[in-house]
Amino acid sequence: MMRVLAIVLALLALACGLRAAYLWYQSSLIKPEPDGPEPVVEELRNMWWQSAQISAADRSAALNGRAAKWTAAAVVLGAASAVCGALI
């Protein structure tokens, strides 16, 4: 029974780790995309780009936070699998 539990926990850890990797990959693909037409005035253009940068950073940070939680779950499940495996 412990062997089956260890395998199930290891598979769950793998799934969590893959989910985290996918979220981090998605985070790396985010590029700043300004809204609307580009302003002619340089000062407004700089603010336009800064706004796009901040928005992209917010989206990336949200994905990174989710990925960190999935990684934590993978670590806990991996440790639980190792303990179950050691008790066999």
PDB file of N, CA and C in Angstrom:
ATOM      1  N   MET A   1       0.824  -1.199   0.000  1.00  0.00           N
ATOM      2  CA  MET A   1       0.000   0.000   0.000  1.00  0.00           C
ATOM      3  C   MET A   1       0.869   1.265   0.000  1.00  0.00           C
ATOM      4  N   MET A   2       1.945   1.271   0.783  1.00  0.00           N
ATOM      5  CA  MET A   2       2.826   2.438   0.844  1.00  0.00           C
ATOM      6  C   MET A   2       3.509   2.685  -0.500  1.00  0.00           C
ATOM      7  N   ARG A   3       3.812   1.603  -1.214  1.00  0.00           N
ATOM      8  CA  ARG A   3       4.464   1.749  -2.515  1.00  0.00           C
ATOM      9  C   ARG A   3       3.536   2.477  -3.485  1.00  0.00           C
ATOM     10  N   VAL A   4       2.260   2.106  -3.488  1.00  0.00           N
ATOM     11  CA  VAL A   4       1.283   2.762  -4.358  1.00  0.00           C
ATOM     12  C   VAL A   4       1.136   4.224  -3.958  1.00  0.00           C
ATOM     13  N   LEU A   5       1.077   4.496  -2.663  1.00  0.00           N
ATOM     14  CA  LEU A   5       0.965   5.873  -2.183  1.00  0.00           C
ATOM     15  C   LEU A   5       2.187   6.694  -2.598  1.00  0.00           C
ATOM     16  N   ALA A   6       3.366   6.105  -2.492  1.00  0.00           N
ATOM     17  CA  ALA A   6       4.593   6.805  -2.889  1.00  0.00           C
ATOM     18  C   ALA A   6       4.571   7.142  -4.378  1.00  0.00           C
ATOM     19  N   ILE A   7       4.093   6.220  -5.191  1.00  0.00           N
ATOM     20  CA  ILE A   7       4.022   6.456  -6.634  1.00  0.00           C
ATOM     21  C   ILE A   7       2.999   7.541  -6.959  1.00  0.00           C
ATOM     22  N   VAL A   8       1.843   7.475  -6.310  1.00  0.00           N
ATOM     23  CA  VAL A   8       0.805   8.487  -6.537  1.00  0.00           C
ATOM     24  C   VAL A   8       1.316   9.868  -6.132  1.00  0.00           C
ATOM     25  N   LEU A   9       1.969   9.954  -4.988  1.00  0.00           N
ATOM     26  CA  LEU A   9       2.513  11.238  -4.542  1.00  0.00           C
ATOM     27  C   LEU A   9       3.588  11.750  -5.496  1.00  0.00           C
ATOM     28  N   ALA A  10       4.413  10.848  -5.998  1.00  0.00           N
ATOM     29  CA  ALA A  10       5.449  11.249  -6.949  1.00  0.00           C
ATOM     30  C   ALA A  10       4.836  11.766  -8.246  1.00  0.00           C
ATOM     31  N   LEU A  11       3.780  11.119  -8.716  1.00  0.00           N
ATOM     32  CA  LEU A  11       3.106  11.585  -9.930  1.00  0.00           C
ATOM     33  C   LEU A  11       2.432  12.937  -9.713  1.00  0.00           C
ATOM     34  N   LEU A  12       1.856  13.130  -8.540  1.00  0.00           N
ATOM     35  CA  LEU A  12       1.265  14.428  -8.220  1.00  0.00           C
ATOM     36  C   LEU A  12       2.333  15.519  -8.148  1.00  0.00           C
ATOM     37  N   ALA A  13       3.490  15.182  -7.575  1.00  0.00           N
ATOM     38  CA  ALA A  13       4.599  16.135  -7.521  1.00  0.00           C
ATOM     39  C   ALA A  13       5.057  16.499  -8.929  1.00  0.00           C
ATOM     40  N   LEU A  14       5.135  15.512  -9.800  1.00  0.00           N
ATOM     41  CA  LEU A  14       5.510  15.761 -11.191  1.00  0.00           C
ATOM     42  C   LEU A  14       4.512  16.699 -11.860  1.00  0.00           C
ATOM     43  N   ALA A  15       3.225  16.436 -11.679  1.00  0.00           N
ATOM     44  CA  ALA A  15       2.193  17.276 -12.284  1.00  0.00           C
ATOM     45  C   ALA A  15       2.288  18.715 -11.769  1.00  0.00           C
ATOM     46  N   CYS A  16       2.489  18.868 -10.473  1.00  0.00           N
ATOM     47  CA  CYS A  16       2.622  20.217  -9.899  1.00  0.00           C
ATOM     48  C   CYS A  16       3.858  20.923 -10.435  1.00  0.00           C
ATOM     49  N   GLY A  17       4.956  20.215 -10.536  1.00  0.00           N
ATOM     50  CA  GLY A  17       6.181  20.797 -11.064  1.00  0.00           C
ATOM     51  C   GLY A  17       6.030  21.218 -12.517  1.00  0.00           C
ATOM     52  N   LEU A  18       5.359  20.403 -13.311  1.00  0.00           N
ATOM     53  CA  LEU A  18       5.136  20.751 -14.714  1.00  0.00           C
ATOM     54  C   LEU A  18       4.213  21.962 -14.839  1.00  0.00           C
ATOM     55  N   ARG A  19       3.209  22.037 -13.984  1.00  0.00           N
ATOM     56  CA  ARG A  19       2.310  23.196 -13.987  1.00  0.00           C
ATOM     57  C   ARG A  19       3.095  24.470 -13.645  1.00  0.00           C
ATOM     58  N   ALA A  20       3.956  24.391 -12.658  1.00  0.00           N
ATOM     59  CA  ALA A  20       4.775  25.547 -12.277  1.00  0.00           C
ATOM     60  C   ALA A  20       5.674  25.970 -13.438  1.00  0.00           C
ATOM     61  N   ALA A  21       6.291  25.007 -14.088  1.00  0.00           N
ATOM     62  CA  ALA A  21       7.172  25.322 -15.221  1.00  0.00           C
ATOM     63  C   ALA A  21       6.387  25.987 -16.342  1.00  0.00           C
ATOM     64  N   TYR A  22       5.183  25.513 -16.600  1.00  0.00           N
ATOM     65  CA  TYR A  22       4.350  26.105 -17.641  1.00  0.00           C
ATOM     66  C   TYR A  22       3.989  27.551 -17.287  1.00  0.00           C
ATOM     67  N   LEU A  23       3.633  27.802 -16.028  1.00  0.00           N
ATOM     68  CA  LEU A  23       3.292  29.164 -15.618  1.00  0.00           C
ATOM     69  C   LEU A  23       4.492  30.089 -15.733  1.00  0.00           C
ATOM     70  N   TRP A  24       5.678  29.617 -15.351  1.00  0.00           N
ATOM     71  CA  TRP A  24       6.881  30.439 -15.488  1.00  0.00           C
ATOM     72  C   TRP A  24       7.209  30.702 -16.957  1.00  0.00           C
ATOM     73  N   TYR A  25       6.968  29.698 -17.790  1.00  0.00           N
ATOM     74  CA  TYR A  25       7.174  29.893 -19.222  1.00  0.00           C
ATOM     75  C   TYR A  25       6.218  30.968 -19.753  1.00  0.00           C
ATOM     76  N   GLN A  26       4.945  30.862 -19.376  1.00  0.00           N
ATOM     77  CA  GLN A  26       3.958  31.867 -19.791  1.00  0.00           C
ATOM     78  C   GLN A  26       4.362  33.254 -19.304  1.00  0.00           C
ATOM     79  N   SER A  27       4.879  33.329 -18.100  1.00  0.00           N
ATOM     80  CA  SER A  27       5.330  34.603 -17.551  1.00  0.00           C
ATOM     81  C   SER A  27       6.443  35.212 -18.396  1.00  0.00           C
ATOM     82  N   SER A  28       7.311  34.367 -18.913  1.00  0.00           N
ATOM     83  CA  SER A  28       8.441  34.870 -19.705  1.00  0.00           C
ATOM     84  C   SER A  28       8.010  35.392 -21.076  1.00  0.00           C
ATOM     85  N   LEU A  29       6.825  35.037 -21.524  1.00  0.00           N
ATOM     86  CA  LEU A  29       6.350  35.456 -22.837  1.00  0.00           C
ATOM     87  C   LEU A  29       5.644  36.813 -22.830  1.00  0.00           C
ATOM     88  N   ILE A  30       5.371  37.340 -21.662  1.00  0.00           N
ATOM     89  CA  ILE A  30       4.625  38.592 -21.573  1.00  0.00           C
ATOM     90  C   ILE A  30       5.491  39.754 -22.042  1.00  0.00           C
ATOM     91  N   LYS A  31       4.949  40.500 -22.971  1.00  0.00           N
ATOM     92  CA  LYS A  31       5.630  41.671 -23.515  1.00  0.00           C
ATOM     93  C   LYS A  31       4.761  42.904 -23.279  1.00  0.00           C
ATOM     94  N   PRO A  32       5.372  44.053 -23.086  1.00  0.00           N
ATOM     95  CA  PRO A  32       4.580  45.278 -22.921  1.00  0.00           C
ATOM     96  C   PRO A  32       3.805  45.605 -24.194  1.00  0.00           C
ATOM     97  N   GLU A  33       2.519  45.852 -24.048  1.00  0.00           N
ATOM     98  CA  GLU A  33       1.674  46.197 -25.183  1.00  0.00           C
ATOM     99  C   GLU A  33       0.879  47.453 -24.836  1.00  0.00           C
ATOM    100  N   PRO A  34       1.332  48.609 -25.291  1.00  0.00           N
ATOM    101  CA  PRO A  34       0.620  49.848 -24.990  1.00  0.00           C
ATOM    102  C   PRO A  34      -0.760  49.868 -25.636  1.00  0.00           C
ATOM    103  N   ASP A  35      -1.694  50.576 -24.999  1.00  0.00           N
ATOM    104  CA  ASP A  35      -3.054  50.708 -25.517  1.00  0.00           C
ATOM    105  C   ASP A  35      -3.169  51.950 -26.388  1.00  0.00           C
ATOM    106  N   GLY A  36      -3.900  51.827 -27.445  1.00  0.00           N
ATOM    107  CA  GLY A  36      -4.210  52.981 -28.273  1.00  0.00           C
ATOM    108  C   GLY A  36      -3.058  53.439 -29.143  1.00  0.00           C
ATOM    109  N   PRO A  37      -3.296  54.531 -29.867  1.00  0.00           N
ATOM    110  CA  PRO A  37      -2.250  55.063 -30.751  1.00  0.00           C
ATOM    111  C   PRO A  37      -1.116  55.708 -29.959  1.00  0.00           C
ATOM    112  N   GLU A  38       0.053  55.664 -30.532  1.00  0.00           N
ATOM    113  CA  GLU A  38       1.231  56.226 -29.863  1.00  0.00           C
ATOM    114  C   GLU A  38       1.152  57.754 -29.839  1.00  0.00           C
ATOM    115  N   PRO A  39       1.309  58.339 -28.650  1.00  0.00           N
ATOM    116  CA  PRO A  39       1.259  59.805 -28.562  1.00  0.00           C
ATOM    117  C   PRO A  39       2.428  60.453 -29.302  1.00  0.00           C
ATOM    118  N   VAL A  40       2.202  61.646 -29.781  1.00  0.00           N
ATOM    119  CA  VAL A  40       3.223  62.395 -30.509  1.00  0.00           C
ATOM    120  C   VAL A  40       4.169  63.098 -29.539  1.00  0.00           C
ATOM    121  N   VAL A  41       3.632  63.607 -28.441  1.00  0.00           N
ATOM    122  CA  VAL A  41       4.430  64.335 -27.454  1.00  0.00           C
ATOM    123  C   VAL A  41       5.321  63.334 -26.725  1.00  0.00           C
ATOM    124  N   GLU A  42       6.617  63.625 -26.685  1.00  0.00           N
ATOM    125  CA  GLU A  42       7.588  62.681 -26.112  1.00  0.00           C
ATOM    126  C   GLU A  42       7.274  62.335 -24.660  1.00  0.00           C
ATOM    127  N   GLU A  43       6.919  63.314 -23.862  1.00  0.00           N
ATOM    128  CA  GLU A  43       6.623  63.067 -22.449  1.00  0.00           C
ATOM    129  C   GLU A  43       5.435  62.124 -22.292  1.00  0.00           C
ATOM    130  N   LEU A  44       4.407  62.319 -23.113  1.00  0.00           N
ATOM    131  CA  LEU A  44       3.242  61.425 -23.065  1.00  0.00           C
ATOM    132  C   LEU A  44       3.596  60.032 -23.592  1.00  0.00           C
ATOM    133  N   ARG A  45       4.469  59.977 -24.596  1.00  0.00           N
ATOM    134  CA  ARG A  45       4.906  58.683 -25.143  1.00  0.00           C
ATOM    135  C   ARG A  45       5.658  57.889 -24.075  1.00  0.00           C
ATOM    136  N   ASN A  46       6.508  58.568 -23.310  1.00  0.00           N
ATOM    137  CA  ASN A  46       7.233  57.895 -22.228  1.00  0.00           C
ATOM    138  C   ASN A  46       6.268  57.362 -21.177  1.00  0.00           C
ATOM    139  N   MET A  47       5.272  58.133 -20.809  1.00  0.00           N
ATOM    140  CA  MET A  47       4.273  57.676 -19.834  1.00  0.00           C
ATOM    141  C   MET A  47       3.469  56.503 -20.392  1.00  0.00           C
ATOM    142  N   TRP A  48       3.177  56.561 -21.692  1.00  0.00           N
ATOM    143  CA  TRP A  48       2.438  55.502 -22.383  1.00  0.00           C
ATOM    144  C   TRP A  48       3.204  54.186 -22.293  1.00  0.00           C
ATOM    145  N   TRP A  49       4.524  54.243 -22.567  1.00  0.00           N
ATOM    146  CA  TRP A  49       5.350  53.038 -22.487  1.00  0.00           C
ATOM    147  C   TRP A  49       5.539  52.579 -21.038  1.00  0.00           C
ATOM    148  N   GLN A  50       5.700  53.504 -20.119  1.00  0.00           N
ATOM    149  CA  GLN A  50       5.848  53.128 -18.707  1.00  0.00           C
ATOM    150  C   GLN A  50       4.602  52.420 -18.211  1.00  0.00           C
ATOM    151  N   SER A  51       3.447  52.888 -18.612  1.00  0.00           N
ATOM    152  CA  SER A  51       2.196  52.241 -18.235  1.00  0.00           C
ATOM    153  C   SER A  51       2.136  50.812 -18.776  1.00  0.00           C
ATOM    154  N   ALA A  52       2.563  50.645 -20.025  1.00  0.00           N
ATOM    155  CA  ALA A  52       2.585  49.303 -20.617  1.00  0.00           C
ATOM    156  C   ALA A  52       3.574  48.397 -19.887  1.00  0.00           C
ATOM    157  N   GLN A  53       4.726  48.940 -19.496  1.00  0.00           N
ATOM    158  CA  GLN A  53       5.729  48.155 -18.758  1.00  0.00           C
ATOM    159  C   GLN A  53       5.180  47.711 -17.398  1.00  0.00           C
ATOM    160  N   ILE A  54       4.526  48.613 -16.707  1.00  0.00           N
ATOM    161  CA  ILE A  54       3.977  48.294 -15.388  1.00  0.00           C
ATOM    162  C   ILE A  54       2.883  47.238 -15.509  1.00  0.00           C
ATOM    163  N   SER A  55       2.039  47.376 -16.504  1.00  0.00           N
ATOM    164  CA  SER A  55       0.976  46.391 -16.718  1.00  0.00           C
ATOM    165  C   SER A  55       1.552  45.008 -17.020  1.00  0.00           C
ATOM    166  N   ALA A  56       2.580  44.958 -17.860  1.00  0.00           N
ATOM    167  CA  ALA A  56       3.226  43.680 -18.186  1.00  0.00           C
ATOM    168  C   ALA A  56       3.896  43.078 -16.948  1.00  0.00           C
ATOM    169  N   ALA A  57       4.530  43.918 -16.151  1.00  0.00           N
ATOM    170  CA  ALA A  57       5.178  43.432 -14.928  1.00  0.00           C
ATOM    171  C   ALA A  57       4.149  42.887 -13.946  1.00  0.00           C
ATOM    172  N   ASP A  58       2.998  43.531 -13.850  1.00  0.00           N
ATOM    173  CA  ASP A  58       1.925  43.046 -12.967  1.00  0.00           C
ATOM    174  C   ASP A  58       1.428  41.674 -13.410  1.00  0.00           C
ATOM    175  N   ARG A  59       1.211  41.521 -14.716  1.00  0.00           N
ATOM    176  CA  ARG A  59       0.738  40.224 -15.223  1.00  0.00           C
ATOM    177  C   ARG A  59       1.789  39.144 -15.002  1.00  0.00           C
ATOM    178  N   SER A  60       3.052  39.476 -15.244  1.00  0.00           N
ATOM    179  CA  SER A  60       4.141  38.521 -15.053  1.00  0.00           C
ATOM    180  C   SER A  60       4.282  38.127 -13.581  1.00  0.00           C
ATOM    181  N   ALA A  61       4.177  39.110 -12.699  1.00  0.00           N
ATOM    182  CA  ALA A  61       4.287  38.837 -11.258  1.00  0.00           C
ATOM    183  C   ALA A  61       3.160  37.932 -10.778  1.00  0.00           C
ATOM    184  N   ALA A  62       1.964  38.127 -11.312  1.00  0.00           N
ATOM    185  CA  ALA A  62       0.839  37.271 -10.921  1.00  0.00           C
ATOM    186  C   ALA A  62       1.100  35.818 -11.325  1.00  0.00           C
ATOM    187  N   LEU A  63       1.606  35.623 -12.536  1.00  0.00           N
ATOM    188  CA  LEU A  63       1.933  34.264 -12.976  1.00  0.00           C
ATOM    189  C   LEU A  63       3.075  33.674 -12.152  1.00  0.00           C
ATOM    190  N   ASN A  64       4.077  34.480 -11.826  1.00  0.00           N
ATOM    191  CA  ASN A  64       5.198  34.007 -11.003  1.00  0.00           C
ATOM    192  C   ASN A  64       4.727  33.582  -9.618  1.00  0.00           C
ATOM    193  N   GLY A  65       3.800  34.334  -9.047  1.00  0.00           N
ATOM    194  CA  GLY A  65       3.253  33.967  -7.731  1.00  0.00           C
ATOM    195  C   GLY A  65       2.526  32.639  -7.777  1.00  0.00           C
ATOM    196  N   ARG A  66       1.729  32.439  -8.809  1.00  0.00           N
ATOM    197  CA  ARG A  66       1.024  31.156  -8.952  1.00  0.00           C
ATOM    198  C   ARG A  66       2.025  30.016  -9.147  1.00  0.00           C
ATOM    199  N   ALA A  67       3.057  30.254  -9.953  1.00  0.00           N
ATOM    200  CA  ALA A  67       4.068  29.226 -10.204  1.00  0.00           C
ATOM    201  C   ALA A  67       4.813  28.859  -8.926  1.00  0.00           C
ATOM    202  N   ALA A  68       5.082  29.841  -8.087  1.00  0.00           N
ATOM    203  CA  ALA A  68       5.776  29.561  -6.821  1.00  0.00           C
ATOM    204  C   ALA A  68       4.931  28.669  -5.918  1.00  0.00           C
ATOM    205  N   LYS A  69       3.627  28.903  -5.905  1.00  0.00           N
ATOM    206  CA  LYS A  69       2.742  28.050  -5.095  1.00  0.00           C
ATOM    207  C   LYS A  69       2.705  26.622  -5.627  1.00  0.00           C
ATOM    208  N   TRP A  70       2.663  26.460  -6.940  1.00  0.00           N
ATOM    209  CA  TRP A  70       2.705  25.119  -7.522  1.00  0.00           C
ATOM    210  C   TRP A  70       4.038  24.427  -7.232  1.00  0.00           C
ATOM    211  N   THR A  71       5.124  25.192  -7.234  1.00  0.00           N
ATOM    212  CA  THR A  71       6.432  24.617  -6.908  1.00  0.00           C
ATOM    213  C   THR A  71       6.468  24.157  -5.456  1.00  0.00           C
ATOM    214  N   ALA A  72       5.896  24.956  -4.565  1.00  0.00           N
ATOM    215  CA  ALA A  72       5.842  24.560  -3.149  1.00  0.00           C
ATOM    216  C   ALA A  72       5.057  23.262  -2.991  1.00  0.00           C
ATOM    217  N   ALA A  73       3.942  23.158  -3.702  1.00  0.00           N
ATOM    218  CA  ALA A  73       3.154  21.918  -3.639  1.00  0.00           C
ATOM    219  C   ALA A  73       3.962  20.738  -4.165  1.00  0.00           C
ATOM    220  N   ALA A  74       4.718  20.951  -5.232  1.00  0.00           N
ATOM    221  CA  ALA A  74       5.548  19.877  -5.797  1.00  0.00           C
ATOM    222  C   ALA A  74       6.607  19.423  -4.798  1.00  0.00           C
ATOM    223  N   VAL A  75       7.203  20.364  -4.092  1.00  0.00           N
ATOM    224  CA  VAL A  75       8.237  20.025  -3.105  1.00  0.00           C
ATOM    225  C   VAL A  75       7.636  19.214  -1.954  1.00  0.00           C
ATOM    226  N   VAL A  76       6.488  19.664  -1.460  1.00  0.00           N
ATOM    227  CA  VAL A  76       5.839  18.947  -0.347  1.00  0.00           C
ATOM    228  C   VAL A  76       5.445  17.538  -0.782  1.00  0.00           C
ATOM    229  N   LEU A  77       4.839  17.421  -1.967  1.00  0.00           N
ATOM    230  CA  LEU A  77       4.434  16.097  -2.450  1.00  0.00           C
ATOM    231  C   LEU A  77       5.647  15.216  -2.742  1.00  0.00           C
ATOM    232  N   GLY A  78       6.719  15.788  -3.251  1.00  0.00           N
ATOM    233  CA  GLY A  78       7.939  15.015  -3.480  1.00  0.00           C
ATOM    234  C   GLY A  78       8.549  14.500  -2.190  1.00  0.00           C
ATOM    235  N   ALA A  79       8.540  15.361  -1.154  1.00  0.00           N
ATOM    236  CA  ALA A  79       9.064  14.931   0.139  1.00  0.00           C
ATOM    237  C   ALA A  79       8.185  13.833   0.739  1.00  0.00           C
ATOM    238  N   ALA A  80       6.881  14.003   0.625  1.00  0.00           N
ATOM    239  CA  ALA A  80       5.962  12.972   1.136  1.00  0.00           C
ATOM    240  C   ALA A  80       6.169  11.651   0.406  1.00  0.00           C
ATOM    241  N   SER A  81       6.394  11.722  -0.902  1.00  0.00           N
ATOM    242  CA  SER A  81       6.657  10.509  -1.670  1.00  0.00           C
ATOM    243  C   SER A  81       7.958   9.847  -1.208  1.00  0.00           C
ATOM    244  N   ALA A  82       8.975  10.647  -0.961  1.00  0.00           N
ATOM    245  CA  ALA A  82      10.253  10.090  -0.494  1.00  0.00           C
ATOM    246  C   ALA A  82      10.101   9.427   0.869  1.00  0.00           C
ATOM    247  N   VAL A  83       9.348  10.039   1.752  1.00  0.00           N
ATOM    248  CA  VAL A  83       9.133   9.456   3.090  1.00  0.00           C
ATOM    249  C   VAL A  83       8.362   8.136   2.950  1.00  0.00           C
ATOM    250  N   CYS A  84       7.319   8.118   2.131  1.00  0.00           N
ATOM    251  CA  CYS A  84       6.560   6.874   1.941  1.00  0.00           C
ATOM    252  C   CYS A  84       7.453   5.798   1.329  1.00  0.00           C
ATOM    253  N   GLY A  85       8.284   6.201   0.381  1.00  0.00           N
ATOM    254  CA  GLY A  85       9.196   5.244  -0.235  1.00  0.00           C
ATOM    255  C   GLY A  85      10.207   4.680   0.755  1.00  0.00           C
ATOM    256  N   ALA A  86      10.645   5.532   1.696  1.00  0.00           N
ATOM    257  CA  ALA A  86      11.618   5.081   2.686  1.00  0.00           C
ATOM    258  C   ALA A  86      10.993   4.132   3.709  1.00  0.00           C
ATOM    259  N   LEU A  87       9.680   4.255   3.907  1.00  0.00           N
ATOM    260  CA  LEU A  87       9.000   3.412   4.892  1.00  0.00           C
ATOM    261  C   LEU A  87       8.630   2.036   4.331  1.00  0.00           C
ATOM    262  N   ILE A  88       8.887   1.806   3.076  1.00  0.00           N
ATOM    263  CA  ILE A  88       8.541   0.503   2.469  1.00  0.00           C
ATOM    264  C   ILE A  88       9.449  -0.578   3.003  1.00  0.00           C
TER     265      ILE A  88
END
